[in-house]
Amino acid sequence: MRDNIDTDYLILVTSDGRKNAYNICKERISENLWPIYKGTPQLLNLDKNKKVLFYIAGRDEFSQHFIGSATIDRIIDDIHSNSDPNQEFRQVICYIKFKELKFFKKPLNIKDHIKNLSFIEEKKRNIYGLYFQGGICKINKQSFDYITQNF
């Protein structure tokens, strides 16, 4: 679940901070600049042309929903070691820029589709939130395709 086995498909997770997770995610996408924090899992998997989904954690609007997809265009090293204004005390080590950005017409609620997402083990579907901890997580091609082709 949290290992660094190479994959071409990732999920970028946004959690609540000074704003709700959905607004933070929309802001990052509109600026086409996604911060990556020191200690984030799956750093070894960040690379140009990897496919990503945007997932909203948190408690407010569209929580536990996939809202869009993109392809990583490039990774920009952060030479200033900034903190993210939306996530206090989190040191930014680099930023992701995207191409092929797409918002889903209707966000996908994970609870309604979890049985179709094979990257979440069947016996752990009642605790699926564990798969989304840490900011970046892996997803297999079958689950990625299910989400992007149906929504």
N, C-alpha and C. Protein backbone atom coordinates (compact mmCIF):
# COMPACT_ATOMS: atom_id res chain seq x y z
N MET A 1 0.82 -1.19 0.00
CA MET A 1 0.00 0.00 0.00
C MET A 1 0.86 1.25 0.00
N ARG A 2 1.94 1.30 0.80
CA ARG A 2 2.74 2.52 0.91
C ARG A 2 4.18 2.31 0.47
N ASP A 3 4.44 1.22 -0.27
CA ASP A 3 5.81 0.97 -0.70
C ASP A 3 6.13 1.82 -1.94
N ASN A 4 7.38 1.79 -2.35
CA ASN A 4 7.83 2.59 -3.47
C ASN A 4 8.02 1.76 -4.73
N ILE A 5 7.20 0.74 -4.93
CA ILE A 5 7.25 -0.03 -6.16
C ILE A 5 6.86 0.89 -7.31
N ASP A 6 7.64 0.85 -8.39
CA ASP A 6 7.42 1.75 -9.52
C ASP A 6 6.01 1.57 -10.09
N THR A 7 5.39 2.68 -10.43
CA THR A 7 4.07 2.68 -11.03
C THR A 7 3.96 3.88 -11.96
N ASP A 8 3.11 3.77 -12.96
CA ASP A 8 2.87 4.89 -13.86
C ASP A 8 1.65 5.71 -13.46
N TYR A 9 0.98 5.30 -12.37
CA TYR A 9 -0.29 5.91 -11.97
C TYR A 9 -0.24 6.29 -10.49
N LEU A 10 -0.59 7.54 -10.21
CA LEU A 10 -0.55 8.05 -8.84
C LEU A 10 -1.82 8.82 -8.51
N ILE A 11 -2.06 8.97 -7.23
CA ILE A 11 -3.15 9.80 -6.74
C ILE A 11 -2.53 10.91 -5.91
N LEU A 12 -2.90 12.15 -6.22
CA LEU A 12 -2.47 13.30 -5.42
C LEU A 12 -3.64 13.66 -4.51
N VAL A 13 -3.38 13.63 -3.22
CA VAL A 13 -4.43 13.81 -2.21
C VAL A 13 -4.33 15.21 -1.61
N THR A 14 -5.48 15.87 -1.52
CA THR A 14 -5.55 17.17 -0.86
C THR A 14 -6.37 17.04 0.41
N SER A 15 -5.83 17.55 1.49
CA SER A 15 -6.52 17.55 2.79
C SER A 15 -6.85 18.97 3.18
N ASP A 16 -7.75 19.11 4.14
CA ASP A 16 -8.10 20.43 4.65
C ASP A 16 -6.87 21.09 5.26
N GLY A 17 -6.82 22.38 5.15
CA GLY A 17 -5.77 23.19 5.76
C GLY A 17 -6.41 24.49 6.22
N ARG A 18 -5.83 25.61 5.85
CA ARG A 18 -6.45 26.90 6.16
C ARG A 18 -7.75 27.08 5.38
N LYS A 19 -7.85 26.38 4.25
CA LYS A 19 -9.08 26.35 3.45
C LYS A 19 -9.53 24.90 3.39
N ASN A 20 -10.73 24.68 2.85
CA ASN A 20 -11.14 23.29 2.70
C ASN A 20 -10.38 22.64 1.54
N ALA A 21 -10.29 21.33 1.58
CA ALA A 21 -9.45 20.58 0.64
C ALA A 21 -9.83 20.85 -0.82
N TYR A 22 -11.12 20.93 -1.11
CA TYR A 22 -11.55 21.16 -2.49
C TYR A 22 -11.05 22.50 -3.02
N ASN A 23 -11.16 23.55 -2.22
CA ASN A 23 -10.68 24.87 -2.65
C ASN A 23 -9.16 24.89 -2.80
N ILE A 24 -8.46 24.21 -1.92
CA ILE A 24 -7.00 24.12 -2.04
C ILE A 24 -6.65 23.42 -3.35
N CYS A 25 -7.31 22.33 -3.64
CA CYS A 25 -7.03 21.57 -4.85
C CYS A 25 -7.32 22.40 -6.10
N LYS A 26 -8.47 23.06 -6.15
CA LYS A 26 -8.81 23.91 -7.30
C LYS A 26 -7.77 25.01 -7.50
N GLU A 27 -7.30 25.61 -6.41
CA GLU A 27 -6.29 26.66 -6.50
C GLU A 27 -4.99 26.11 -7.07
N ARG A 28 -4.56 24.97 -6.58
CA ARG A 28 -3.32 24.36 -7.07
C ARG A 28 -3.42 24.03 -8.56
N ILE A 29 -4.56 23.50 -8.96
CA ILE A 29 -4.74 23.13 -10.37
C ILE A 29 -4.81 24.38 -11.24
N SER A 30 -5.52 25.41 -10.79
CA SER A 30 -5.63 26.63 -11.60
C SER A 30 -4.27 27.31 -11.75
N GLU A 31 -3.41 27.20 -10.74
CA GLU A 31 -2.06 27.76 -10.82
C GLU A 31 -1.10 26.81 -11.52
N ASN A 32 -1.56 25.56 -11.74
CA ASN A 32 -0.73 24.51 -12.32
C ASN A 32 0.61 24.40 -11.56
N LEU A 33 0.48 24.33 -10.26
CA LEU A 33 1.65 24.24 -9.39
C LEU A 33 1.24 23.47 -8.13
N TRP A 34 1.70 22.24 -8.03
CA TRP A 34 1.30 21.35 -6.94
C TRP A 34 2.49 21.15 -6.01
N PRO A 35 2.40 21.60 -4.75
CA PRO A 35 3.53 21.46 -3.84
C PRO A 35 3.70 20.02 -3.36
N ILE A 36 4.95 19.62 -3.23
CA ILE A 36 5.30 18.32 -2.67
C ILE A 36 6.13 18.59 -1.42
N TYR A 37 5.73 17.96 -0.33
CA TYR A 37 6.35 18.23 0.96
C TYR A 37 7.47 17.25 1.31
N LYS A 38 8.35 17.74 2.14
CA LYS A 38 9.40 16.90 2.69
C LYS A 38 8.75 15.72 3.41
N GLY A 39 9.23 14.51 3.16
CA GLY A 39 8.73 13.31 3.81
C GLY A 39 7.52 12.68 3.13
N THR A 40 7.09 13.23 1.99
CA THR A 40 5.94 12.68 1.28
C THR A 40 6.29 11.29 0.73
N PRO A 41 5.39 10.30 0.93
CA PRO A 41 5.65 8.99 0.35
C PRO A 41 5.55 9.03 -1.18
N GLN A 42 6.11 8.06 -1.82
CA GLN A 42 6.08 7.91 -3.28
C GLN A 42 6.91 8.95 -4.02
N LEU A 43 7.83 9.63 -3.35
CA LEU A 43 8.67 10.61 -4.04
C LEU A 43 9.45 9.97 -5.18
N LEU A 44 9.87 8.73 -5.00
CA LEU A 44 10.64 8.05 -6.04
C LEU A 44 9.80 7.82 -7.29
N ASN A 45 8.49 7.85 -7.16
CA ASN A 45 7.62 7.62 -8.31
C ASN A 45 7.24 8.90 -9.06
N LEU A 46 7.62 10.06 -8.54
CA LEU A 46 7.31 11.31 -9.25
C LEU A 46 8.22 11.44 -10.45
N ASP A 47 7.60 11.53 -11.63
CA ASP A 47 8.39 11.64 -12.84
C ASP A 47 7.52 12.16 -13.98
N LYS A 48 8.17 12.73 -14.95
CA LYS A 48 7.49 13.25 -16.13
C LYS A 48 6.67 12.14 -16.79
N ASN A 49 5.49 12.50 -17.26
CA ASN A 49 4.57 11.63 -18.00
C ASN A 49 3.83 10.60 -17.16
N LYS A 50 3.98 10.64 -15.85
CA LYS A 50 3.16 9.77 -15.00
C LYS A 50 1.74 10.34 -14.98
N LYS A 51 0.77 9.45 -14.91
CA LYS A 51 -0.64 9.84 -14.87
C LYS A 51 -1.07 10.00 -13.41
N VAL A 52 -1.86 11.04 -13.14
CA VAL A 52 -2.31 11.30 -11.77
C VAL A 52 -3.81 11.54 -11.73
N LEU A 53 -4.38 11.21 -10.58
CA LEU A 53 -5.75 11.56 -10.24
C LEU A 53 -5.70 12.53 -9.09
N PHE A 54 -6.69 13.41 -9.00
CA PHE A 54 -6.80 14.34 -7.89
C PHE A 54 -7.92 13.84 -6.98
N TYR A 55 -7.57 13.66 -5.70
CA TYR A 55 -8.50 13.13 -4.72
C TYR A 55 -8.65 14.12 -3.58
N ILE A 56 -9.90 14.35 -3.16
CA ILE A 56 -10.19 15.27 -2.07
C ILE A 56 -10.44 14.46 -0.81
N ALA A 57 -9.60 14.66 0.18
CA ALA A 57 -9.85 14.08 1.51
C ALA A 57 -10.66 15.13 2.27
N GLY A 58 -10.42 15.31 3.50
CA GLY A 58 -11.08 16.38 4.24
C GLY A 58 -12.52 16.06 4.60
N ARG A 59 -13.26 17.13 4.98
CA ARG A 59 -14.61 16.94 5.52
C ARG A 59 -15.68 17.74 4.82
N ASP A 60 -15.31 18.60 3.92
CA ASP A 60 -16.31 19.50 3.35
C ASP A 60 -16.66 19.08 1.92
N GLU A 61 -16.84 20.08 1.08
CA GLU A 61 -17.28 19.88 -0.30
C GLU A 61 -16.43 18.84 -1.04
N PHE A 62 -17.09 17.87 -1.63
CA PHE A 62 -16.48 16.80 -2.41
C PHE A 62 -15.47 15.96 -1.64
N SER A 63 -15.60 15.89 -0.32
CA SER A 63 -14.69 15.02 0.44
C SER A 63 -14.92 13.57 0.01
N GLN A 64 -13.83 12.82 -0.05
CA GLN A 64 -13.78 11.43 -0.50
C GLN A 64 -14.24 11.29 -1.95
N HIS A 65 -13.83 12.24 -2.78
CA HIS A 65 -14.16 12.23 -4.21
C HIS A 65 -12.90 12.39 -5.06
N PHE A 66 -12.88 11.72 -6.20
CA PHE A 66 -11.91 12.00 -7.25
C PHE A 66 -12.53 13.10 -8.10
N ILE A 67 -11.75 14.14 -8.41
CA ILE A 67 -12.32 15.27 -9.14
C ILE A 67 -11.69 15.53 -10.50
N GLY A 68 -10.57 14.89 -10.80
CA GLY A 68 -9.93 15.13 -12.09
C GLY A 68 -8.68 14.30 -12.28
N SER A 69 -8.05 14.54 -13.43
CA SER A 69 -6.83 13.80 -13.78
C SER A 69 -5.88 14.71 -14.55
N ALA A 70 -4.65 14.26 -14.68
CA ALA A 70 -3.64 15.01 -15.43
C ALA A 70 -2.44 14.09 -15.69
N THR A 71 -1.50 14.64 -16.42
CA THR A 71 -0.22 13.98 -16.65
C THR A 71 0.86 14.92 -16.13
N ILE A 72 1.85 14.39 -15.46
CA ILE A 72 2.95 15.22 -14.96
C ILE A 72 3.77 15.71 -16.15
N ASP A 73 3.91 17.02 -16.24
CA ASP A 73 4.71 17.63 -17.30
C ASP A 73 6.17 17.78 -16.86
N ARG A 74 6.35 18.24 -15.62
CA ARG A 74 7.71 18.37 -15.11
C ARG A 74 7.69 18.57 -13.60
N ILE A 75 8.85 18.35 -12.98
CA ILE A 75 9.05 18.56 -11.55
C ILE A 75 10.00 19.75 -11.42
N ILE A 76 9.59 20.71 -10.60
CA ILE A 76 10.40 21.91 -10.40
C ILE A 76 10.95 21.88 -8.98
N ASP A 77 12.26 21.84 -8.85
CA ASP A 77 12.87 21.89 -7.53
C ASP A 77 12.60 23.23 -6.88
N ASP A 78 12.32 23.19 -5.59
CA ASP A 78 12.06 24.43 -4.84
C ASP A 78 13.37 24.89 -4.22
N ILE A 79 13.95 25.90 -4.80
CA ILE A 79 15.25 26.38 -4.32
C ILE A 79 15.12 27.28 -3.09
N HIS A 80 13.90 27.65 -2.73
CA HIS A 80 13.70 28.55 -1.60
C HIS A 80 13.25 27.84 -0.32
N SER A 81 12.95 26.54 -0.39
CA SER A 81 12.44 25.78 0.76
C SER A 81 11.28 26.51 1.44
N ASN A 82 10.27 26.79 0.65
CA ASN A 82 9.09 27.51 1.15
C ASN A 82 8.19 26.61 1.97
N SER A 83 7.32 27.26 2.71
CA SER A 83 6.21 26.58 3.36
C SER A 83 4.96 26.84 2.53
N ASP A 84 4.06 25.89 2.51
CA ASP A 84 2.79 26.03 1.80
C ASP A 84 1.86 26.88 2.66
N PRO A 85 1.30 27.97 2.11
CA PRO A 85 0.41 28.82 2.92
C PRO A 85 -0.88 28.10 3.35
N ASN A 86 -1.25 27.04 2.66
CA ASN A 86 -2.45 26.29 3.01
C ASN A 86 -2.21 25.17 4.02
N GLN A 87 -0.97 24.79 4.18
CA GLN A 87 -0.62 23.70 5.10
C GLN A 87 0.54 24.19 5.96
N GLU A 88 0.22 24.86 7.03
CA GLU A 88 1.25 25.43 7.91
C GLU A 88 2.28 24.39 8.34
N PHE A 89 3.49 24.84 8.44
CA PHE A 89 4.60 24.03 8.96
C PHE A 89 4.97 22.86 8.05
N ARG A 90 4.54 22.86 6.80
CA ARG A 90 4.91 21.82 5.86
C ARG A 90 5.92 22.41 4.88
N GLN A 91 7.12 21.87 4.85
CA GLN A 91 8.17 22.38 3.98
C GLN A 91 8.02 21.82 2.57
N VAL A 92 7.95 22.70 1.60
CA VAL A 92 7.84 22.32 0.19
C VAL A 92 9.23 22.03 -0.35
N ILE A 93 9.40 20.86 -0.97
CA ILE A 93 10.71 20.52 -1.55
C ILE A 93 10.72 20.62 -3.07
N CYS A 94 9.53 20.53 -3.69
CA CYS A 94 9.43 20.69 -5.13
C CYS A 94 7.97 20.91 -5.51
N TYR A 95 7.76 21.24 -6.78
CA TYR A 95 6.41 21.45 -7.30
C TYR A 95 6.23 20.60 -8.55
N ILE A 96 4.99 20.19 -8.79
CA ILE A 96 4.65 19.47 -10.00
C ILE A 96 3.89 20.42 -10.92
N LYS A 97 4.25 20.41 -12.20
CA LYS A 97 3.48 21.10 -13.24
C LYS A 97 2.83 20.02 -14.09
N PHE A 98 1.63 20.32 -14.62
CA PHE A 98 0.85 19.32 -15.33
C PHE A 98 0.58 19.69 -16.78
N LYS A 99 0.23 18.68 -17.54
CA LYS A 99 -0.35 18.85 -18.87
C LYS A 99 -1.58 17.95 -18.90
N GLU A 100 -2.41 18.12 -19.90
CA GLU A 100 -3.60 17.29 -20.06
C GLU A 100 -4.50 17.31 -18.80
N LEU A 101 -4.62 18.49 -18.20
CA LEU A 101 -5.48 18.66 -17.02
C LEU A 101 -6.95 18.49 -17.40
N LYS A 102 -7.67 17.73 -16.59
CA LYS A 102 -9.08 17.48 -16.88
C LYS A 102 -9.85 17.41 -15.56
N PHE A 103 -10.91 18.20 -15.47
CA PHE A 103 -11.85 18.06 -14.35
C PHE A 103 -12.96 17.12 -14.79
N PHE A 104 -13.38 16.23 -13.91
CA PHE A 104 -14.49 15.33 -14.23
C PHE A 104 -15.79 16.12 -14.23
N LYS A 105 -16.68 15.78 -15.15
CA LYS A 105 -18.00 16.44 -15.20
C LYS A 105 -18.74 16.22 -13.90
N LYS A 106 -18.61 15.02 -13.36
CA LYS A 106 -19.23 14.71 -12.07
C LYS A 106 -18.17 14.01 -11.21
N PRO A 107 -17.75 14.64 -10.11
CA PRO A 107 -16.77 13.99 -9.23
C PRO A 107 -17.24 12.60 -8.79
N LEU A 108 -16.28 11.70 -8.64
CA LEU A 108 -16.58 10.32 -8.29
C LEU A 108 -16.42 10.11 -6.79
N ASN A 109 -17.51 9.76 -6.13
CA ASN A 109 -17.47 9.45 -4.70
C ASN A 109 -16.92 8.04 -4.53
N ILE A 110 -15.82 7.93 -3.83
CA ILE A 110 -15.17 6.62 -3.69
C ILE A 110 -16.08 5.59 -3.04
N LYS A 111 -16.91 6.02 -2.11
CA LYS A 111 -17.79 5.07 -1.41
C LYS A 111 -18.76 4.38 -2.37
N ASP A 112 -19.17 5.08 -3.41
CA ASP A 112 -20.11 4.52 -4.38
C ASP A 112 -19.46 3.56 -5.37
N HIS A 113 -18.13 3.59 -5.47
CA HIS A 113 -17.44 2.81 -6.50
C HIS A 113 -16.32 1.93 -5.96
N ILE A 114 -16.19 1.85 -4.67
CA ILE A 114 -15.05 1.16 -4.07
C ILE A 114 -14.94 -0.30 -4.52
N LYS A 115 -16.06 -0.95 -4.80
CA LYS A 115 -16.03 -2.35 -5.24
C LYS A 115 -15.39 -2.51 -6.61
N ASN A 116 -15.32 -1.43 -7.38
CA ASN A 116 -14.72 -1.46 -8.71
C ASN A 116 -13.26 -1.01 -8.72
N LEU A 117 -12.71 -0.69 -7.56
CA LEU A 117 -11.35 -0.17 -7.47
C LEU A 117 -10.44 -1.24 -6.88
N SER A 118 -9.76 -1.96 -7.75
CA SER A 118 -8.96 -3.10 -7.30
C SER A 118 -7.68 -2.72 -6.57
N PHE A 119 -7.28 -1.45 -6.60
CA PHE A 119 -6.07 -1.06 -5.87
C PHE A 119 -6.30 -1.07 -4.36
N ILE A 120 -7.55 -1.10 -3.95
CA ILE A 120 -7.89 -1.21 -2.53
C ILE A 120 -8.28 -2.65 -2.26
N GLU A 121 -7.52 -3.32 -1.42
CA GLU A 121 -7.79 -4.72 -1.11
C GLU A 121 -9.21 -4.87 -0.58
N GLU A 122 -9.87 -5.93 -1.01
CA GLU A 122 -11.27 -6.16 -0.63
C GLU A 122 -11.46 -6.18 0.89
N LYS A 123 -10.54 -6.84 1.58
CA LYS A 123 -10.68 -6.96 3.03
C LYS A 123 -10.39 -5.65 3.77
N LYS A 124 -9.87 -4.63 3.05
CA LYS A 124 -9.54 -3.34 3.68
C LYS A 124 -10.44 -2.21 3.19
N ARG A 125 -11.49 -2.54 2.49
CA ARG A 125 -12.36 -1.49 1.94
C ARG A 125 -13.09 -0.69 3.01
N ASN A 126 -13.25 -1.27 4.18
CA ASN A 126 -13.91 -0.53 5.26
C ASN A 126 -12.97 0.50 5.90
N ILE A 127 -11.68 0.38 5.61
CA ILE A 127 -10.70 1.35 6.12
C ILE A 127 -9.91 1.96 4.96
N TYR A 128 -10.60 2.22 3.84
CA TYR A 128 -9.96 2.70 2.61
C TYR A 128 -9.17 3.98 2.81
N GLY A 129 -9.52 4.78 3.80
CA GLY A 129 -8.82 6.05 4.04
C GLY A 129 -7.33 5.88 4.27
N LEU A 130 -6.93 4.72 4.75
CA LEU A 130 -5.50 4.46 4.96
C LEU A 130 -4.71 4.52 3.66
N TYR A 131 -5.35 4.19 2.55
CA TYR A 131 -4.68 4.21 1.25
C TYR A 131 -4.35 5.63 0.79
N PHE A 132 -4.98 6.62 1.39
CA PHE A 132 -4.83 8.00 0.93
C PHE A 132 -4.00 8.87 1.87
N GLN A 133 -3.34 8.26 2.82
CA GLN A 133 -2.53 9.03 3.74
C GLN A 133 -1.18 9.37 3.12
N GLY A 134 -0.71 10.57 3.39
CA GLY A 134 0.63 10.95 2.99
C GLY A 134 0.74 11.87 1.80
N GLY A 135 -0.35 12.14 1.11
CA GLY A 135 -0.28 13.11 0.02
C GLY A 135 -0.17 12.52 -1.37
N ILE A 136 0.55 11.42 -1.52
CA ILE A 136 0.66 10.74 -2.81
C ILE A 136 0.51 9.25 -2.56
N CYS A 137 -0.30 8.60 -3.35
CA CYS A 137 -0.42 7.15 -3.24
C CYS A 137 -0.50 6.53 -4.63
N LYS A 138 -0.22 5.24 -4.67
CA LYS A 138 -0.23 4.50 -5.92
C LYS A 138 -1.65 4.05 -6.26
N ILE A 139 -1.87 3.86 -7.55
CA ILE A 139 -3.11 3.27 -8.02
C ILE A 139 -2.73 2.40 -9.22
N ASN A 140 -3.42 1.29 -9.39
CA ASN A 140 -3.11 0.44 -10.54
C ASN A 140 -3.84 0.94 -11.79
N LYS A 141 -3.42 0.43 -12.94
CA LYS A 141 -3.99 0.85 -14.22
C LYS A 141 -5.48 0.56 -14.31
N GLN A 142 -5.91 -0.59 -13.84
CA GLN A 142 -7.32 -0.96 -13.92
C GLN A 142 -8.19 0.06 -13.19
N SER A 143 -7.80 0.42 -11.98
CA SER A 143 -8.58 1.39 -11.20
C SER A 143 -8.51 2.78 -11.82
N PHE A 144 -7.32 3.16 -12.28
CA PHE A 144 -7.15 4.46 -12.93
C PHE A 144 -8.07 4.56 -14.15
N ASP A 145 -8.04 3.52 -14.99
CA ASP A 145 -8.88 3.52 -16.19
C ASP A 145 -10.36 3.55 -15.84
N TYR A 146 -10.76 2.81 -14.82
CA TYR A 146 -12.17 2.82 -14.41
C TYR A 146 -12.61 4.24 -14.06
N ILE A 147 -11.80 4.93 -13.30
CA ILE A 147 -12.15 6.29 -12.87
C ILE A 147 -12.15 7.26 -14.03
N THR A 148 -11.11 7.24 -14.85
CA THR A 148 -10.98 8.25 -15.92
C THR A 148 -11.90 7.98 -17.10
N GLN A 149 -12.25 6.75 -17.34
CA GLN A 149 -13.09 6.45 -18.50
C GLN A 149 -14.57 6.52 -18.20
N ASN A 150 -14.93 6.53 -16.95
CA ASN A 150 -16.34 6.54 -16.60
C ASN A 150 -16.82 7.87 -16.05
N PHE A 151 -15.91 8.79 -15.82
CA PHE A 151 -16.32 10.05 -15.20
C PHE A 151 -15.54 11.17 -15.82
